[in-house]
Amino acid sequence: MARTIDQQIADAQAKLARLKTRQKASDTRRKIIVGAIVTTEALKDPKSSKWLASTLRKNATRDVDQKEIAGLLADLDAKAQSAGAGEV
């Protein structure tokens, strides 16, 4: 039995929705991976720590985001200050 044009359109829309969901999940995974790598490396290097802390403060403008990264900012600031104490 042949499917109607409306059924074909509905199937195509459902497939598109599934593909968009997969694309969004992939994008989210990529951001998590990159964020983890950048954070880990920044916590090892005072110059990178200073840059990341500054970048986060500039771009994380919502209160909820600022609260979420407060602990990370403290760690980054501590590492950035270690350059002045002779650690590198």
PDB file of N, CA and C in Angstrom:
ATOM      1  N   MET A   1       0.842  -1.179   0.000  1.00  0.00           N
ATOM      2  CA  MET A   1       0.000   0.000   0.000  1.00  0.00           C
ATOM      3  C   MET A   1       0.888   1.243   0.000  1.00  0.00           C
ATOM      4  N   ALA A   2       0.635   2.127  -0.912  1.00  0.00           N
ATOM      5  CA  ALA A   2       1.440   3.335  -1.047  1.00  0.00           C
ATOM      6  C   ALA A   2       1.115   4.319   0.075  1.00  0.00           C
ATOM      7  N   ARG A   3       2.169   4.941   0.551  1.00  0.00           N
ATOM      8  CA  ARG A   3       1.970   5.944   1.603  1.00  0.00           C
ATOM      9  C   ARG A   3       1.574   7.270   0.968  1.00  0.00           C
ATOM     10  N   THR A   4       0.766   8.000   1.678  1.00  0.00           N
ATOM     11  CA  THR A   4       0.348   9.300   1.164  1.00  0.00           C
ATOM     12  C   THR A   4       1.500  10.292   1.314  1.00  0.00           C
ATOM     13  N   ILE A   5       1.364  11.385   0.622  1.00  0.00           N
ATOM     14  CA  ILE A   5       2.376  12.439   0.715  1.00  0.00           C
ATOM     15  C   ILE A   5       2.468  12.953   2.149  1.00  0.00           C
ATOM     16  N   ASP A   6       1.323  13.083   2.803  1.00  0.00           N
ATOM     17  CA  ASP A   6       1.329  13.550   4.194  1.00  0.00           C
ATOM     18  C   ASP A   6       2.089  12.585   5.104  1.00  0.00           C
ATOM     19  N   GLN A   7       1.942  11.285   4.863  1.00  0.00           N
ATOM     20  CA  GLN A   7       2.676  10.296   5.658  1.00  0.00           C
ATOM     21  C   GLN A   7       4.178  10.397   5.391  1.00  0.00           C
ATOM     22  N   GLN A   8       4.529  10.596   4.144  1.00  0.00           N
ATOM     23  CA  GLN A   8       5.944  10.729   3.793  1.00  0.00           C
ATOM     24  C   GLN A   8       6.549  11.977   4.439  1.00  0.00           C
ATOM     25  N   ILE A   9       5.794  13.062   4.437  1.00  0.00           N
ATOM     26  CA  ILE A   9       6.253  14.301   5.079  1.00  0.00           C
ATOM     27  C   ILE A   9       6.428  14.081   6.577  1.00  0.00           C
ATOM     28  N   ALA A  10       5.461  13.424   7.198  1.00  0.00           N
ATOM     29  CA  ALA A  10       5.546  13.152   8.639  1.00  0.00           C
ATOM     30  C   ALA A  10       6.757  12.280   8.959  1.00  0.00           C
ATOM     31  N   ASP A  11       7.012  11.280   8.129  1.00  0.00           N
ATOM     32  CA  ASP A  11       8.181  10.415   8.331  1.00  0.00           C
ATOM     33  C   ASP A  11       9.479  11.208   8.199  1.00  0.00           C
ATOM     34  N   ALA A  12       9.530  12.070   7.191  1.00  0.00           N
ATOM     35  CA  ALA A  12      10.733  12.880   6.976  1.00  0.00           C
ATOM     36  C   ALA A  12      10.951  13.849   8.140  1.00  0.00           C
ATOM     37  N   GLN A  13       9.865  14.430   8.651  1.00  0.00           N
ATOM     38  CA  GLN A  13       9.981  15.340   9.792  1.00  0.00           C
ATOM     39  C   GLN A  13      10.445  14.600  11.043  1.00  0.00           C
ATOM     40  N   ALA A  14       9.953  13.394  11.239  1.00  0.00           N
ATOM     41  CA  ALA A  14      10.369  12.591  12.392  1.00  0.00           C
ATOM     42  C   ALA A  14      11.847  12.229  12.281  1.00  0.00           C
ATOM     43  N   LYS A  15      12.265  11.870  11.073  1.00  0.00           N
ATOM     44  CA  LYS A  15      13.681  11.541  10.864  1.00  0.00           C
ATOM     45  C   LYS A  15      14.555  12.766  11.107  1.00  0.00           C
ATOM     46  N   LEU A  16      14.134  13.916  10.629  1.00  0.00           N
ATOM     47  CA  LEU A  16      14.873  15.156  10.844  1.00  0.00           C
ATOM     48  C   LEU A  16      14.986  15.471  12.334  1.00  0.00           C
ATOM     49  N   ALA A  17      13.905  15.285  13.061  1.00  0.00           N
ATOM     50  CA  ALA A  17      13.926  15.532  14.509  1.00  0.00           C
ATOM     51  C   ALA A  17      14.923  14.599  15.203  1.00  0.00           C
ATOM     52  N   ARG A  18      14.946  13.332  14.798  1.00  0.00           N
ATOM     53  CA  ARG A  18      15.913  12.378  15.378  1.00  0.00           C
ATOM     54  C   ARG A  18      17.346  12.785  15.068  1.00  0.00           C
ATOM     55  N   LEU A  19      17.593  13.214  13.840  1.00  0.00           N
ATOM     56  CA  LEU A  19      18.937  13.636  13.452  1.00  0.00           C
ATOM     57  C   LEU A  19      19.371  14.890  14.210  1.00  0.00           C
ATOM     58  N   LYS A  20      18.455  15.826  14.398  1.00  0.00           N
ATOM     59  CA  LYS A  20      18.776  17.037  15.164  1.00  0.00           C
ATOM     60  C   LYS A  20      19.106  16.694  16.610  1.00  0.00           C
ATOM     61  N   THR A  21      18.383  15.738  17.181  1.00  0.00           N
ATOM     62  CA  THR A  21      18.655  15.304  18.553  1.00  0.00           C
ATOM     63  C   THR A  21      20.041  14.681  18.646  1.00  0.00           C
ATOM     64  N   ARG A  22      20.380  13.836  17.682  1.00  0.00           N
ATOM     65  CA  ARG A  22      21.719  13.217  17.659  1.00  0.00           C
ATOM     66  C   ARG A  22      22.810  14.263  17.503  1.00  0.00           C
ATOM     67  N   GLN A  23      22.560  15.251  16.646  1.00  0.00           N
ATOM     68  CA  GLN A  23      23.543  16.306  16.424  1.00  0.00           C
ATOM     69  C   GLN A  23      23.762  17.116  17.702  1.00  0.00           C
ATOM     70  N   LYS A  24      22.682  17.428  18.398  1.00  0.00           N
ATOM     71  CA  LYS A  24      22.798  18.197  19.638  1.00  0.00           C
ATOM     72  C   LYS A  24      23.553  17.399  20.700  1.00  0.00           C
ATOM     73  N   ALA A  25      23.273  16.112  20.806  1.00  0.00           N
ATOM     74  CA  ALA A  25      23.972  15.264  21.774  1.00  0.00           C
ATOM     75  C   ALA A  25      25.460  15.201  21.452  1.00  0.00           C
ATOM     76  N   SER A  26      25.786  15.098  20.181  1.00  0.00           N
ATOM     77  CA  SER A  26      27.188  15.065  19.761  1.00  0.00           C
ATOM     78  C   SER A  26      27.880  16.382  20.092  1.00  0.00           C
ATOM     79  N   ASP A  27      27.208  17.484  19.846  1.00  0.00           N
ATOM     80  CA  ASP A  27      27.760  18.803  20.152  1.00  0.00           C
ATOM     81  C   ASP A  27      28.001  18.954  21.653  1.00  0.00           C
ATOM     82  N   THR A  28      27.061  18.482  22.455  1.00  0.00           N
ATOM     83  CA  THR A  28      27.204  18.549  23.907  1.00  0.00           C
ATOM     84  C   THR A  28      28.391  17.713  24.373  1.00  0.00           C
ATOM     85  N   ARG A  29      28.527  16.508  23.860  1.00  0.00           N
ATOM     86  CA  ARG A  29      29.674  15.647  24.220  1.00  0.00           C
ATOM     87  C   ARG A  29      30.989  16.323  23.858  1.00  0.00           C
ATOM     88  N   ARG A  30      31.049  16.921  22.684  1.00  0.00           N
ATOM     89  CA  ARG A  30      32.260  17.604  22.234  1.00  0.00           C
ATOM     90  C   ARG A  30      32.613  18.750  23.181  1.00  0.00           C
ATOM     91  N   LYS A  31      31.625  19.527  23.593  1.00  0.00           N
ATOM     92  CA  LYS A  31      31.868  20.634  24.521  1.00  0.00           C
ATOM     93  C   LYS A  31      32.367  20.132  25.867  1.00  0.00           C
ATOM     94  N   ILE A  32      31.811  19.043  26.345  1.00  0.00           N
ATOM     95  CA  ILE A  32      32.241  18.472  27.623  1.00  0.00           C
ATOM     96  C   ILE A  32      33.691  18.012  27.534  1.00  0.00           C
ATOM     97  N   ILE A  33      34.034  17.330  26.464  1.00  0.00           N
ATOM     98  CA  ILE A  33      35.400  16.832  26.293  1.00  0.00           C
ATOM     99  C   ILE A  33      36.389  17.992  26.221  1.00  0.00           C
ATOM    100  N   VAL A  34      36.099  18.976  25.385  1.00  0.00           N
ATOM    101  CA  VAL A  34      37.001  20.122  25.239  1.00  0.00           C
ATOM    102  C   VAL A  34      37.102  20.886  26.557  1.00  0.00           C
ATOM    103  N   GLY A  35      35.974  21.093  27.216  1.00  0.00           N
ATOM    104  CA  GLY A  35      35.989  21.796  28.498  1.00  0.00           C
ATOM    105  C   GLY A  35      36.824  21.083  29.542  1.00  0.00           C
ATOM    106  N   ALA A  36      36.711  19.770  29.593  1.00  0.00           N
ATOM    107  CA  ALA A  36      37.492  18.994  30.562  1.00  0.00           C
ATOM    108  C   ALA A  36      38.981  19.103  30.276  1.00  0.00           C
ATOM    109  N   ILE A  37      39.355  19.031  29.013  1.00  0.00           N
ATOM    110  CA  ILE A  37      40.769  19.121  28.650  1.00  0.00           C
ATOM    111  C   ILE A  37      41.317  20.511  28.956  1.00  0.00           C
ATOM    112  N   VAL A  38      40.599  21.544  28.563  1.00  0.00           N
ATOM    113  CA  VAL A  38      41.056  22.918  28.800  1.00  0.00           C
ATOM    114  C   VAL A  38      41.173  23.191  30.296  1.00  0.00           C
ATOM    115  N   THR A  39      40.180  22.767  31.065  1.00  0.00           N
ATOM    116  CA  THR A  39      40.211  22.981  32.512  1.00  0.00           C
ATOM    117  C   THR A  39      41.387  22.259  33.149  1.00  0.00           C
ATOM    118  N   THR A  40      41.588  21.007  32.787  1.00  0.00           N
ATOM    119  CA  THR A  40      42.689  20.224  33.353  1.00  0.00           C
ATOM    120  C   THR A  40      44.035  20.877  33.054  1.00  0.00           C
ATOM    121  N   GLU A  41      44.229  21.294  31.825  1.00  0.00           N
ATOM    122  CA  GLU A  41      45.501  21.918  31.454  1.00  0.00           C
ATOM    123  C   GLU A  41      45.670  23.282  32.118  1.00  0.00           C
ATOM    124  N   ALA A  42      44.590  24.052  32.222  1.00  0.00           N
ATOM    125  CA  ALA A  42      44.677  25.371  32.853  1.00  0.00           C
ATOM    126  C   ALA A  42      45.061  25.253  34.322  1.00  0.00           C
ATOM    127  N   LEU A  43      44.604  24.206  34.977  1.00  0.00           N
ATOM    128  CA  LEU A  43      44.932  24.025  36.390  1.00  0.00           C
ATOM    129  C   LEU A  43      46.386  23.592  36.597  1.00  0.00           C
ATOM    130  N   LYS A  44      47.089  23.303  35.514  1.00  0.00           N
ATOM    131  CA  LYS A  44      48.508  22.934  35.600  1.00  0.00           C
ATOM    132  C   LYS A  44      49.431  24.121  35.337  1.00  0.00           C
ATOM    133  N   ASP A  45      48.921  25.161  34.699  1.00  0.00           N
ATOM    134  CA  ASP A  45      49.763  26.260  34.229  1.00  0.00           C
ATOM    135  C   ASP A  45      49.206  27.608  34.694  1.00  0.00           C
ATOM    136  N   PRO A  46      49.992  28.389  35.447  1.00  0.00           N
ATOM    137  CA  PRO A  46      49.493  29.672  35.958  1.00  0.00           C
ATOM    138  C   PRO A  46      49.006  30.630  34.872  1.00  0.00           C
ATOM    139  N   LYS A  47      49.722  30.713  33.756  1.00  0.00           N
ATOM    140  CA  LYS A  47      49.313  31.630  32.684  1.00  0.00           C
ATOM    141  C   LYS A  47      47.969  31.205  32.091  1.00  0.00           C
ATOM    142  N   SER A  48      47.825  29.911  31.858  1.00  0.00           N
ATOM    143  CA  SER A  48      46.553  29.396  31.331  1.00  0.00           C
ATOM    144  C   SER A  48      45.429  29.567  32.349  1.00  0.00           C
ATOM    145  N   SER A  49      45.749  29.381  33.624  1.00  0.00           N
ATOM    146  CA  SER A  49      44.747  29.565  34.684  1.00  0.00           C
ATOM    147  C   SER A  49      44.230  30.992  34.694  1.00  0.00           C
ATOM    148  N   LYS A  50      45.157  31.934  34.586  1.00  0.00           N
ATOM    149  CA  LYS A  50      44.765  33.349  34.581  1.00  0.00           C
ATOM    150  C   LYS A  50      43.875  33.657  33.379  1.00  0.00           C
ATOM    151  N   TRP A  51      44.257  33.139  32.207  1.00  0.00           N
ATOM    152  CA  TRP A  51      43.468  33.376  31.000  1.00  0.00           C
ATOM    153  C   TRP A  51      42.070  32.774  31.123  1.00  0.00           C
ATOM    154  N   LEU A  52      41.991  31.514  31.585  1.00  0.00           N
ATOM    155  CA  LEU A  52      40.691  30.851  31.671  1.00  0.00           C
ATOM    156  C   LEU A  52      39.793  31.539  32.697  1.00  0.00           C
ATOM    157  N   ALA A  53      40.358  31.917  33.845  1.00  0.00           N
ATOM    158  CA  ALA A  53      39.554  32.610  34.861  1.00  0.00           C
ATOM    159  C   ALA A  53      39.004  33.920  34.303  1.00  0.00           C
ATOM    160  N   SER A  54      39.843  34.660  33.613  1.00  0.00           N
ATOM    161  CA  SER A  54      39.409  35.928  33.016  1.00  0.00           C
ATOM    162  C   SER A  54      38.321  35.702  31.967  1.00  0.00           C
ATOM    163  N   THR A  55      38.514  34.708  31.135  1.00  0.00           N
ATOM    164  CA  THR A  55      37.543  34.395  30.085  1.00  0.00           C
ATOM    165  C   THR A  55      36.204  33.961  30.678  1.00  0.00           C
ATOM    166  N   LEU A  56      36.257  33.132  31.707  1.00  0.00           N
ATOM    167  CA  LEU A  56      35.017  32.685  32.348  1.00  0.00           C
ATOM    168  C   LEU A  56      34.285  33.851  33.001  1.00  0.00           C
ATOM    169  N   ARG A  57      35.022  34.713  33.685  1.00  0.00           N
ATOM    170  CA  ARG A  57      34.376  35.868  34.332  1.00  0.00           C
ATOM    171  C   ARG A  57      33.724  36.790  33.303  1.00  0.00           C
ATOM    172  N   LYS A  58      34.357  36.930  32.158  1.00  0.00           N
ATOM    173  CA  LYS A  58      33.830  37.812  31.111  1.00  0.00           C
ATOM    174  C   LYS A  58      32.586  37.223  30.445  1.00  0.00           C
ATOM    175  N   ASN A  59      32.552  35.904  30.283  1.00  0.00           N
ATOM    176  CA  ASN A  59      31.494  35.281  29.485  1.00  0.00           C
ATOM    177  C   ASN A  59      30.383  34.617  30.285  1.00  0.00           C
ATOM    178  N   ALA A  60      30.646  34.231  31.509  1.00  0.00           N
ATOM    179  CA  ALA A  60      29.607  33.597  32.339  1.00  0.00           C
ATOM    180  C   ALA A  60      28.902  34.708  33.113  1.00  0.00           C
ATOM    181  N   THR A  61      27.904  35.305  32.496  1.00  0.00           N
ATOM    182  CA  THR A  61      27.275  36.489  33.074  1.00  0.00           C
ATOM    183  C   THR A  61      26.018  36.180  33.891  1.00  0.00           C
ATOM    184  N   ARG A  62      25.434  35.018  33.699  1.00  0.00           N
ATOM    185  CA  ARG A  62      24.230  34.679  34.468  1.00  0.00           C
ATOM    186  C   ARG A  62      24.622  34.273  35.885  1.00  0.00           C
ATOM    187  N   ASP A  63      23.815  34.663  36.860  1.00  0.00           N
ATOM    188  CA  ASP A  63      24.097  34.330  38.260  1.00  0.00           C
ATOM    189  C   ASP A  63      24.238  32.828  38.468  1.00  0.00           C
ATOM    190  N   VAL A  64      23.361  32.060  37.854  1.00  0.00           N
ATOM    191  CA  VAL A  64      23.399  30.609  38.026  1.00  0.00           C
ATOM    192  C   VAL A  64      24.712  30.034  37.496  1.00  0.00           C
ATOM    193  N   ASP A  65      25.218  30.574  36.398  1.00  0.00           N
ATOM    194  CA  ASP A  65      26.491  30.110  35.842  1.00  0.00           C
ATOM    195  C   ASP A  65      27.653  30.517  36.741  1.00  0.00           C
ATOM    196  N   GLN A  66      27.613  31.736  37.241  1.00  0.00           N
ATOM    197  CA  GLN A  66      28.673  32.214  38.128  1.00  0.00           C
ATOM    198  C   GLN A  66      28.748  31.375  39.394  1.00  0.00           C
ATOM    199  N   LYS A  67      27.602  31.013  39.944  1.00  0.00           N
ATOM    200  CA  LYS A  67      27.591  30.170  41.145  1.00  0.00           C
ATOM    201  C   LYS A  67      28.154  28.788  40.842  1.00  0.00           C
ATOM    202  N   GLU A  68      27.845  28.263  39.678  1.00  0.00           N
ATOM    203  CA  GLU A  68      28.300  26.924  39.298  1.00  0.00           C
ATOM    204  C   GLU A  68      29.818  26.854  39.148  1.00  0.00           C
ATOM    205  N   ILE A  69      30.432  27.930  38.674  1.00  0.00           N
ATOM    206  CA  ILE A  69      31.879  27.902  38.437  1.00  0.00           C
ATOM    207  C   ILE A  69      32.689  28.582  39.535  1.00  0.00           C
ATOM    208  N   ALA A  70      32.055  28.971  40.621  1.00  0.00           N
ATOM    209  CA  ALA A  70      32.764  29.685  41.693  1.00  0.00           C
ATOM    210  C   ALA A  70      33.949  28.885  42.227  1.00  0.00           C
ATOM    211  N   GLY A  71      33.761  27.610  42.476  1.00  0.00           N
ATOM    212  CA  GLY A  71      34.851  26.773  42.984  1.00  0.00           C
ATOM    213  C   GLY A  71      35.988  26.650  41.985  1.00  0.00           C
ATOM    214  N   LEU A  72      35.642  26.485  40.722  1.00  0.00           N
ATOM    215  CA  LEU A  72      36.660  26.398  39.679  1.00  0.00           C
ATOM    216  C   LEU A  72      37.442  27.701  39.588  1.00  0.00           C
ATOM    217  N   LEU A  73      36.744  28.833  39.660  1.00  0.00           N
ATOM    218  CA  LEU A  73      37.430  30.122  39.606  1.00  0.00           C
ATOM    219  C   LEU A  73      38.410  30.272  40.769  1.00  0.00           C
ATOM    220  N   ALA A  74      38.017  29.809  41.948  1.00  0.00           N
ATOM    221  CA  ALA A  74      38.920  29.873  43.103  1.00  0.00           C
ATOM    222  C   ALA A  74      40.172  29.036  42.846  1.00  0.00           C
ATOM    223  N   ASP A  75      40.001  27.847  42.290  1.00  0.00           N
ATOM    224  CA  ASP A  75      41.148  26.987  41.972  1.00  0.00           C
ATOM    225  C   ASP A  75      42.039  27.626  40.904  1.00  0.00           C
ATOM    226  N   LEU A  76      41.421  28.210  39.888  1.00  0.00           N
ATOM    227  CA  LEU A  76      42.192  28.864  38.830  1.00  0.00           C
ATOM    228  C   LEU A  76      42.956  30.066  39.375  1.00  0.00           C
ATOM    229  N   ASP A  77      42.293  30.857  40.227  1.00  0.00           N
ATOM    230  CA  ASP A  77      42.957  32.016  40.830  1.00  0.00           C
ATOM    231  C   ASP A  77      44.143  31.585  41.684  1.00  0.00           C
ATOM    232  N   ALA A  78      43.972  30.506  42.442  1.00  0.00           N
ATOM    233  CA  ALA A  78      45.062  30.007  43.283  1.00  0.00           C
ATOM    234  C   ALA A  78      46.246  29.581  42.416  1.00  0.00           C
ATOM    235  N   LYS A  79      45.975  28.905  41.315  1.00  0.00           N
ATOM    236  CA  LYS A  79      47.058  28.473  40.426  1.00  0.00           C
ATOM    237  C   LYS A  79      47.714  29.678  39.766  1.00  0.00           C
ATOM    238  N   ALA A  80      46.921  30.657  39.355  1.00  0.00           N
ATOM    239  CA  ALA A  80      47.471  31.862  38.725  1.00  0.00           C
ATOM    240  C   ALA A  80      48.373  32.608  39.701  1.00  0.00           C
ATOM    241  N   GLN A  81      47.993  32.646  40.974  1.00  0.00           N
ATOM    242  CA  GLN A  81      48.802  33.317  41.999  1.00  0.00           C
ATOM    243  C   GLN A  81      50.095  32.567  42.277  1.00  0.00           C
ATOM    244  N   SER A  82      50.118  31.268  42.024  1.00  0.00           N
ATOM    245  CA  SER A  82      51.315  30.478  42.310  1.00  0.00           C
ATOM    246  C   SER A  82      52.496  30.917  41.450  1.00  0.00           C
ATOM    247  N   ALA A  83      52.228  31.568  40.327  1.00  0.00           N
ATOM    248  CA  ALA A  83      53.317  32.055  39.478  1.00  0.00           C
ATOM    249  C   ALA A  83      54.095  33.140  40.203  1.00  0.00           C
ATOM    250  N   GLY A  84      53.397  33.928  40.997  1.00  0.00           N
ATOM    251  CA  GLY A  84      54.054  34.981  41.760  1.00  0.00           C
ATOM    252  C   GLY A  84      54.823  34.449  42.949  1.00  0.00           C
ATOM    253  N   ALA A  85      54.510  33.223  43.378  1.00  0.00           N
ATOM    254  CA  ALA A  85      55.168  32.632  44.541  1.00  0.00           C
ATOM    255  C   ALA A  85      56.365  31.780  44.131  1.00  0.00           C
ATOM    256  N   GLY A  86      56.724  31.816  42.860  1.00  0.00           N
ATOM    257  CA  GLY A  86      57.889  31.078  42.401  1.00  0.00           C
ATOM    258  C   GLY A  86      57.579  29.725  41.812  1.00  0.00           C
ATOM    259  N   GLU A  87      56.324  29.277  41.851  1.00  0.00           N
ATOM    260  CA  GLU A  87      55.951  28.004  41.230  1.00  0.00           C
ATOM    261  C   GLU A  87      55.616  28.242  39.773  1.00  0.00           C
ATOM    262  N   VAL A  88      56.016  27.354  38.925  1.00  0.00           N
ATOM    263  CA  VAL A  88      55.635  27.451  37.513  1.00  0.00           C
ATOM    264  C   VAL A  88      55.408  26.095  36.937  1.00  0.00           C
TER     265      VAL A  88
END
